[in-house]
Amino acid sequence: MSANNKMRKGWVPVALTVAVACALTACKKDEQPAAGTQAAQQAAPAPTPESVVAASVSAMGVDQLRDAANTAYNDNRLYAPAGNNAMEYYLALRDKQPGDAGASSALSDLLPLAVIATEQGIARADFDEAKRLLALIGKADAHHPALERLKASIGSNEAKAQQQSEAQKLSVEEEAKRREELARKREEDQKKLQEQQRQQQAAADQQRQQQAAADAEAERQRQAAAAAEQQRQQQAAAQQAQPTAPPRPRPAAAATELRAISQPGPKYPPAAQRAGATGTVQVEFTVGTDGSITNARVVSSDGTRQFQREFEREALNAVKRWRFQPIGQATTSRRTISFEQ
């Protein structure tokens, strides 16, 4: 074998070694960009309170933000989708006008819903959405009491999910399905939360209407009472202004004093007169308004017992013939009639 052939045979292993080395180097160069891209995707920074509001939203004017925020709120796009929701619009509006009372009030109402949505995102392992909502909460209120709890919950649950993912080694197709399922659940949760918000708002509106009606009724009654009191005071003032009429003289009481017109004496019984008998009879009688006598009766009598009945009879006959002046009301009286020689 010639020296040239020997040299060629000696270079073959070397050439193969160099070729393999070059191929491996090229492969490593191809793998490095792919690995770098994947790492860049995995290491994409999570939204922060400073970056959570989309640049397109921050570039809008004050009036545009206010109109867009009201529209999103009425359409129940309260905190999603990213870049087109009420919270981002109100946050950008507050940045431009820190003293805007409407934006501050709306954010106060939206914060509890964002907290619930964050918890739901954690529960369904939608950590990207949970981090975005957490950033919205942090921008709306940097001292919100739920921030630390939610942040810790996202960290712990995300670590568990990563461990499970590494153990399961999901394929690209399965990962795509998982993300699609996350998006579907995210939309369902948002719809449920928005429906709850709508029902609560409707209940609050109804309560406000009932309270307004009650207040209106109370005001109406108050005004009616005030008008009645004013009318009473006016009537009292008018009565005080009128001259006081002298009191009418009371009609004189009808006379009740008995004034006799005719009082014929009793007839003396002849037998008693012959016998020299005497006696007295007390008679009670009623004088009517025309002066006539009614209800005459003997109350008591005294004298000779033999002629007592005759004295009483003649006394009643005499009284019944009496007449008095008319009087205002019937009057009962008593008189004693004597029988003497």
Protein backbone atom coordinates (compact mmCIF):
# COMPACT_ATOMS: atom_id res chain seq x y z
CA MET A 1 0.00 0.00 0.00
CA SER A 2 1.33 3.36 -0.98
CA ALA A 3 1.96 6.12 1.42
CA ASN A 4 -0.80 8.20 -0.15
CA ASN A 5 -3.33 5.47 0.33
CA LYS A 6 -2.27 5.07 3.90
CA MET A 7 -2.67 8.77 4.47
CA ARG A 8 -6.14 8.74 2.92
CA LYS A 9 -7.16 5.82 5.07
CA GLY A 10 -5.90 7.65 8.13
CA TRP A 11 -7.89 10.76 7.35
CA VAL A 12 -11.20 8.96 6.96
CA PRO A 13 -11.82 8.43 10.69
CA VAL A 14 -10.81 11.97 11.36
CA ALA A 15 -13.17 13.32 8.71
CA LEU A 16 -16.02 11.27 10.07
CA THR A 17 -15.33 12.52 13.53
CA VAL A 18 -15.30 16.14 12.33
CA ALA A 19 -18.52 15.64 10.37
CA VAL A 20 -20.31 14.14 13.35
CA ALA A 21 -19.06 16.96 15.53
CA CYS A 22 -20.32 19.54 13.06
CA ALA A 23 -23.71 17.85 12.84
CA LEU A 24 -24.04 17.77 16.60
CA THR A 25 -23.06 21.40 16.78
CA ALA A 26 -25.67 22.31 14.19
CA CYS A 27 -28.31 20.35 16.08
CA LYS A 28 -27.46 22.09 19.27
CA LYS A 29 -27.71 25.42 17.48
CA ASP A 30 -31.18 24.44 16.19
CA GLU A 31 -32.31 23.28 19.61
CA GLN A 32 -31.09 26.36 21.41
CA PRO A 33 -33.38 28.82 19.61
CA ALA A 34 -36.37 26.50 20.10
CA ALA A 35 -35.58 26.02 23.75
CA GLY A 36 -34.98 29.75 24.05
CA THR A 37 -38.39 30.50 22.50
CA GLN A 38 -40.15 28.06 24.83
CA ALA A 39 -38.36 29.48 27.85
CA ALA A 40 -39.28 32.99 26.74
CA GLN A 41 -42.91 31.93 26.50
CA GLN A 42 -42.86 30.30 29.90
CA ALA A 43 -40.99 33.21 31.45
CA ALA A 44 -43.33 35.89 30.03
CA PRO A 45 -43.82 38.42 32.81
CA ALA A 46 -47.17 38.34 34.58
CA PRO A 47 -49.30 41.51 34.41
CA THR A 48 -48.58 44.05 37.13
CA PRO A 49 -50.69 46.95 38.40
CA GLU A 50 -48.52 49.20 36.23
CA SER A 51 -48.92 47.17 33.05
CA VAL A 52 -52.35 45.54 33.43
CA VAL A 53 -54.23 48.33 31.62
CA ALA A 54 -53.84 47.89 27.89
CA ALA A 55 -51.82 50.54 26.08
CA SER A 56 -54.71 51.11 23.68
CA VAL A 57 -56.95 51.87 26.65
CA SER A 58 -54.45 54.23 28.27
CA ALA A 59 -54.18 56.15 24.99
CA MET A 60 -57.89 57.01 24.97
CA GLY A 61 -59.19 60.43 25.96
CA VAL A 62 -61.24 61.20 29.07
CA ASP A 63 -64.60 61.34 27.29
CA GLN A 64 -63.81 58.21 25.30
CA LEU A 65 -62.88 56.34 28.47
CA ARG A 66 -66.04 57.42 30.24
CA ASP A 67 -68.28 56.36 27.33
CA ALA A 68 -66.43 53.07 26.86
CA ALA A 69 -66.57 52.32 30.60
CA ASN A 70 -70.33 52.96 30.76
CA THR A 71 -70.94 50.81 27.70
CA ALA A 72 -68.83 47.95 29.05
CA TYR A 73 -70.54 48.18 32.44
CA ASN A 74 -74.00 48.07 30.87
CA ASP A 75 -72.92 45.14 28.66
CA ASN A 76 -71.63 43.27 31.73
CA ARG A 77 -68.05 43.31 30.45
CA LEU A 78 -67.01 44.10 33.98
CA TYR A 79 -63.45 42.73 34.15
CA ALA A 80 -63.00 40.72 30.94
CA PRO A 81 -61.95 40.40 28.19
CA ALA A 82 -58.53 41.93 28.60
CA GLY A 83 -58.28 45.36 27.00
CA ASN A 84 -62.04 45.79 26.66
CA ASN A 85 -63.64 45.77 30.09
CA ALA A 86 -65.10 48.30 32.51
CA MET A 87 -62.34 47.99 35.12
CA GLU A 88 -59.55 48.89 32.71
CA TYR A 89 -61.51 51.85 31.34
CA TYR A 90 -62.31 53.15 34.83
CA LEU A 91 -58.70 52.64 35.97
CA ALA A 92 -57.39 54.60 32.99
CA LEU A 93 -60.00 57.30 33.60
CA ARG A 94 -58.96 57.54 37.24
CA ASP A 95 -55.30 57.86 36.17
CA LYS A 96 -56.20 60.81 33.98
CA GLN A 97 -58.63 62.35 36.47
CA PRO A 98 -57.81 61.17 40.02
CA GLY A 99 -60.75 63.09 41.46
CA ASP A 100 -63.40 61.48 39.26
CA ALA A 101 -66.05 60.36 41.76
CA GLY A 102 -67.90 58.18 39.24
CA ALA A 103 -64.81 56.15 38.41
CA SER A 104 -63.93 55.66 42.08
CA SER A 105 -67.48 54.57 42.92
CA ALA A 106 -67.64 52.12 40.01
CA LEU A 107 -64.29 50.57 40.94
CA SER A 108 -65.49 50.10 44.52
CA ASP A 109 -68.49 48.18 43.17
CA LEU A 110 -66.37 46.08 40.79
CA LEU A 111 -63.65 45.07 43.27
CA PRO A 112 -65.69 42.36 45.06
CA LEU A 113 -66.59 40.82 41.69
CA ALA A 114 -62.96 40.83 40.60
CA VAL A 115 -61.98 39.04 43.82
CA ILE A 116 -64.59 36.35 43.19
CA ALA A 117 -63.48 36.00 39.57
CA THR A 118 -59.86 35.61 40.70
CA GLU A 119 -60.82 32.83 43.08
CA GLN A 120 -62.75 31.12 40.30
CA GLY A 121 -59.73 31.40 37.98
CA ILE A 122 -57.54 29.76 40.61
CA ALA A 123 -60.09 26.98 41.11
CA ARG A 124 -60.11 26.12 37.40
CA ALA A 125 -56.27 26.45 37.16
CA ASP A 126 -56.56 29.46 34.84
CA PHE A 127 -53.56 31.17 36.41
CA ASP A 128 -52.89 33.64 33.59
CA GLU A 129 -56.38 35.07 34.01
CA ALA A 130 -56.08 34.97 37.80
CA LYS A 131 -52.82 36.95 37.64
CA ARG A 132 -54.38 39.52 35.33
CA LEU A 133 -57.35 39.99 37.65
CA LEU A 134 -54.99 40.19 40.63
CA ALA A 135 -53.12 43.00 38.86
CA LEU A 136 -56.43 44.81 38.24
CA ILE A 137 -57.30 44.53 41.94
CA GLY A 138 -53.86 45.78 42.93
CA LYS A 139 -54.14 48.79 40.64
CA ALA A 140 -57.65 49.60 41.86
CA ASP A 141 -56.67 49.28 45.53
CA ALA A 142 -53.05 48.62 46.43
CA HIS A 143 -54.03 47.88 50.02
CA HIS A 144 -56.96 45.57 49.33
CA PRO A 145 -57.09 42.93 52.11
CA ALA A 146 -57.48 40.05 49.63
CA LEU A 147 -54.30 40.77 47.63
CA GLU A 148 -51.82 38.76 49.69
CA ARG A 149 -54.20 35.84 50.12
CA LEU A 150 -54.94 35.64 46.39
CA LYS A 151 -51.27 36.02 45.46
CA ALA A 152 -50.28 33.16 47.79
CA SER A 153 -53.12 31.02 46.51
CA ILE A 154 -52.07 31.57 42.88
CA GLY A 155 -48.45 30.68 43.69
CA SER A 156 -49.23 27.48 45.56
CA ASN A 157 -51.85 26.23 43.12
CA GLU A 158 -49.73 27.07 40.09
CA ALA A 159 -46.81 25.11 41.55
CA LYS A 160 -49.06 22.11 42.07
CA ALA A 161 -50.39 22.40 38.53
CA GLN A 162 -46.85 22.53 37.12
CA GLN A 163 -45.89 19.41 39.01
CA GLN A 164 -48.96 17.63 37.68
CA SER A 165 -48.24 18.85 34.16
CA GLU A 166 -44.67 17.58 34.29
CA ALA A 167 -45.91 14.26 35.58
CA GLN A 168 -48.54 13.96 32.87
CA LYS A 169 -46.33 15.26 29.99
CA LEU A 170 -49.26 16.65 28.07
CA SER A 171 -48.97 16.70 24.32
CA VAL A 172 -49.37 19.89 22.31
CA GLU A 173 -52.88 18.84 21.29
CA GLU A 174 -53.89 18.04 24.85
CA GLU A 175 -52.44 21.36 26.05
CA ALA A 176 -54.46 23.16 23.40
CA LYS A 177 -57.61 21.36 24.52
CA ARG A 178 -56.84 22.21 28.13
CA ARG A 179 -56.48 25.90 27.30
CA GLU A 180 -59.68 25.82 25.25
CA GLU A 181 -61.49 24.25 28.19
CA LEU A 182 -60.06 26.92 30.49
CA ALA A 183 -61.33 29.65 28.18
CA ARG A 184 -64.79 28.06 28.08
CA LYS A 185 -64.97 27.74 31.86
CA ARG A 186 -63.70 31.29 32.21
CA GLU A 187 -66.52 32.56 30.02
CA GLU A 188 -69.10 30.48 31.91
CA ASP A 189 -67.90 31.76 35.26
CA GLN A 190 -67.99 35.32 34.02
CA LYS A 191 -71.55 34.89 32.74
CA LYS A 192 -72.67 33.42 36.07
CA LEU A 193 -71.04 36.19 38.03
CA GLN A 194 -72.50 38.83 35.75
CA GLU A 195 -75.96 37.29 36.13
CA GLN A 196 -75.59 37.38 39.89
CA GLN A 197 -74.53 40.99 39.63
CA ARG A 198 -77.53 41.76 37.43
CA GLN A 199 -79.92 40.12 39.89
CA GLN A 200 -78.35 41.93 42.82
CA GLN A 201 -78.55 45.21 40.93
CA ALA A 202 -82.21 44.58 40.08
CA ALA A 203 -82.97 43.79 43.72
CA ALA A 204 -81.12 46.93 44.82
CA ASP A 205 -83.04 49.02 42.26
CA GLN A 206 -86.34 47.57 43.45
CA GLN A 207 -85.44 48.29 47.06
CA ARG A 208 -84.49 51.85 46.16
CA GLN A 209 -87.80 52.31 44.33
CA GLN A 210 -89.76 50.98 47.30
CA GLN A 211 -87.82 53.24 49.65
CA ALA A 212 -88.41 56.21 47.36
CA ALA A 213 -92.14 55.43 47.28
CA ALA A 214 -92.22 55.14 51.09
CA ASP A 215 -90.34 58.42 51.43
CA ALA A 216 -92.74 60.10 49.00
CA GLU A 217 -95.76 58.81 50.96
CA ALA A 218 -94.22 59.98 54.24
CA GLU A 219 -93.56 63.40 52.71
CA ARG A 220 -97.13 63.56 51.41
CA GLN A 221 -98.52 62.77 54.86
CA ARG A 222 -96.17 65.31 56.42
CA GLN A 223 -97.32 67.99 54.00
CA ALA A 224 -100.97 67.10 54.59
CA ALA A 225 -100.46 67.33 58.36
CA ALA A 226 -98.64 70.66 57.96
CA ALA A 227 -101.47 72.01 55.77
CA ALA A 228 -104.09 70.88 58.30
CA GLU A 229 -102.15 72.50 61.14
CA GLN A 230 -101.78 75.72 59.16
CA GLN A 231 -105.51 75.76 58.43
CA ARG A 232 -106.27 75.20 62.10
CA GLN A 233 -103.99 78.07 63.10
CA GLN A 234 -105.61 80.34 60.52
CA GLN A 235 -109.07 79.50 61.80
CA ALA A 236 -107.94 80.13 65.38
CA ALA A 237 -106.43 83.48 64.37
CA ALA A 238 -109.62 84.44 62.51
CA GLN A 239 -111.73 83.62 65.54
CA GLN A 240 -109.47 85.67 67.78
CA ALA A 241 -109.70 88.60 65.37
CA GLN A 242 -113.53 88.64 65.46
CA PRO A 243 -115.13 90.88 68.15
CA THR A 244 -116.38 88.89 71.06
CA ALA A 245 -120.15 88.96 71.24
CA PRO A 246 -121.57 89.62 74.69
CA PRO A 247 -123.01 86.54 76.26
CA ARG A 248 -126.68 86.11 75.68
CA PRO A 249 -128.72 86.62 78.82
CA ARG A 250 -130.16 83.42 80.06
CA PRO A 251 -133.91 83.30 80.00
CA ALA A 252 -135.37 83.90 83.40
CA ALA A 253 -136.31 80.75 85.09
CA ALA A 254 -140.00 80.10 85.00
CA ALA A 255 -141.64 81.12 88.19
CA THR A 256 -142.26 78.25 90.54
CA GLU A 257 -143.70 80.24 93.42
CA LEU A 258 -147.35 79.28 94.02
CA ARG A 259 -149.67 82.24 93.95
CA ALA A 260 -153.28 81.38 94.82
CA ILE A 261 -156.10 82.72 92.76
CA SER A 262 -158.87 80.89 94.55
CA GLN A 263 -158.69 78.88 97.77
CA PRO A 264 -162.21 78.11 99.03
CA GLY A 265 -162.29 76.67 102.53
CA PRO A 266 -163.43 73.17 103.38
CA LYS A 267 -167.04 72.45 104.32
CA TYR A 268 -167.36 71.73 108.06
CA PRO A 269 -169.12 68.40 108.53
CA PRO A 270 -172.52 69.23 110.23
CA ALA A 271 -172.42 66.33 112.69
CA ALA A 272 -168.88 67.29 113.78
CA GLN A 273 -169.88 70.91 114.08
CA ARG A 274 -172.91 70.01 116.27
CA ALA A 275 -170.72 67.83 118.41
CA GLY A 276 -168.08 70.57 118.69
CA ALA A 277 -165.38 68.29 117.21
CA THR A 278 -162.16 69.76 115.74
CA GLY A 279 -159.25 68.40 113.70
CA THR A 280 -156.50 69.04 111.13
CA VAL A 281 -155.72 67.35 107.82
CA GLN A 282 -152.39 67.63 105.91
CA VAL A 283 -152.95 67.35 102.17
CA GLU A 284 -150.34 66.93 99.41
CA PHE A 285 -151.19 68.09 95.88
CA THR A 286 -149.60 68.98 92.55
CA VAL A 287 -150.20 72.33 90.84
CA GLY A 288 -150.04 71.99 87.03
CA THR A 289 -148.58 74.60 84.69
CA ASP A 290 -152.08 75.98 84.13
CA GLY A 291 -152.61 76.40 87.90
CA SER A 292 -155.10 73.50 88.34
CA ILE A 293 -154.80 70.85 91.08
CA THR A 294 -153.99 67.21 90.45
CA ASN A 295 -152.97 64.21 92.52
CA ALA A 296 -154.42 65.49 95.77
CA ARG A 297 -154.04 63.04 98.69
CA VAL A 298 -154.15 62.99 102.48
CA VAL A 299 -150.76 62.72 104.09
CA SER A 300 -151.91 62.75 107.71
CA SER A 301 -154.82 63.83 109.87
CA ASP A 302 -155.47 64.56 113.53
CA GLY A 303 -158.61 65.23 115.59
CA THR A 304 -161.69 63.52 116.93
CA ARG A 305 -161.46 60.00 115.71
CA GLN A 306 -165.19 59.73 115.16
CA PHE A 307 -165.15 62.46 112.54
CA GLN A 308 -161.60 61.95 111.10
CA ARG A 309 -162.81 60.42 107.82
CA GLU A 310 -165.24 63.23 107.24
CA PHE A 311 -162.53 65.86 107.91
CA GLU A 312 -160.22 64.18 105.33
CA ARG A 313 -162.97 63.96 102.68
CA GLU A 314 -163.94 67.60 103.04
CA ALA A 315 -160.26 68.69 103.05
CA LEU A 316 -159.58 66.89 99.72
CA ASN A 317 -162.78 68.31 98.18
CA ALA A 318 -161.72 71.81 99.16
CA VAL A 319 -158.15 71.47 97.82
CA LYS A 320 -159.35 70.09 94.49
CA ARG A 321 -161.27 73.34 93.96
CA TRP A 322 -158.23 75.54 94.50
CA ARG A 323 -156.68 77.53 91.60
CA PHE A 324 -153.20 79.11 91.24
CA GLN A 325 -151.50 81.36 88.71
CA PRO A 326 -149.86 79.45 85.81
CA ILE A 327 -146.26 78.40 86.50
CA GLY A 328 -143.29 77.21 84.41
CA GLN A 329 -143.35 73.64 85.61
CA ALA A 330 -145.63 71.45 87.72
CA THR A 331 -144.96 71.80 91.46
CA THR A 332 -145.94 69.57 94.36
CA SER A 333 -146.83 71.17 97.69
CA ARG A 334 -148.41 70.36 101.07
CA ARG A 335 -150.89 72.35 103.09
CA THR A 336 -152.58 71.77 106.47
CA ILE A 337 -156.28 72.40 106.67
CA SER A 338 -157.85 73.01 110.09
CA PHE A 339 -161.38 72.34 111.24
CA GLU A 340 -162.22 74.56 114.25
CA GLN A 341 -165.38 76.01 115.84
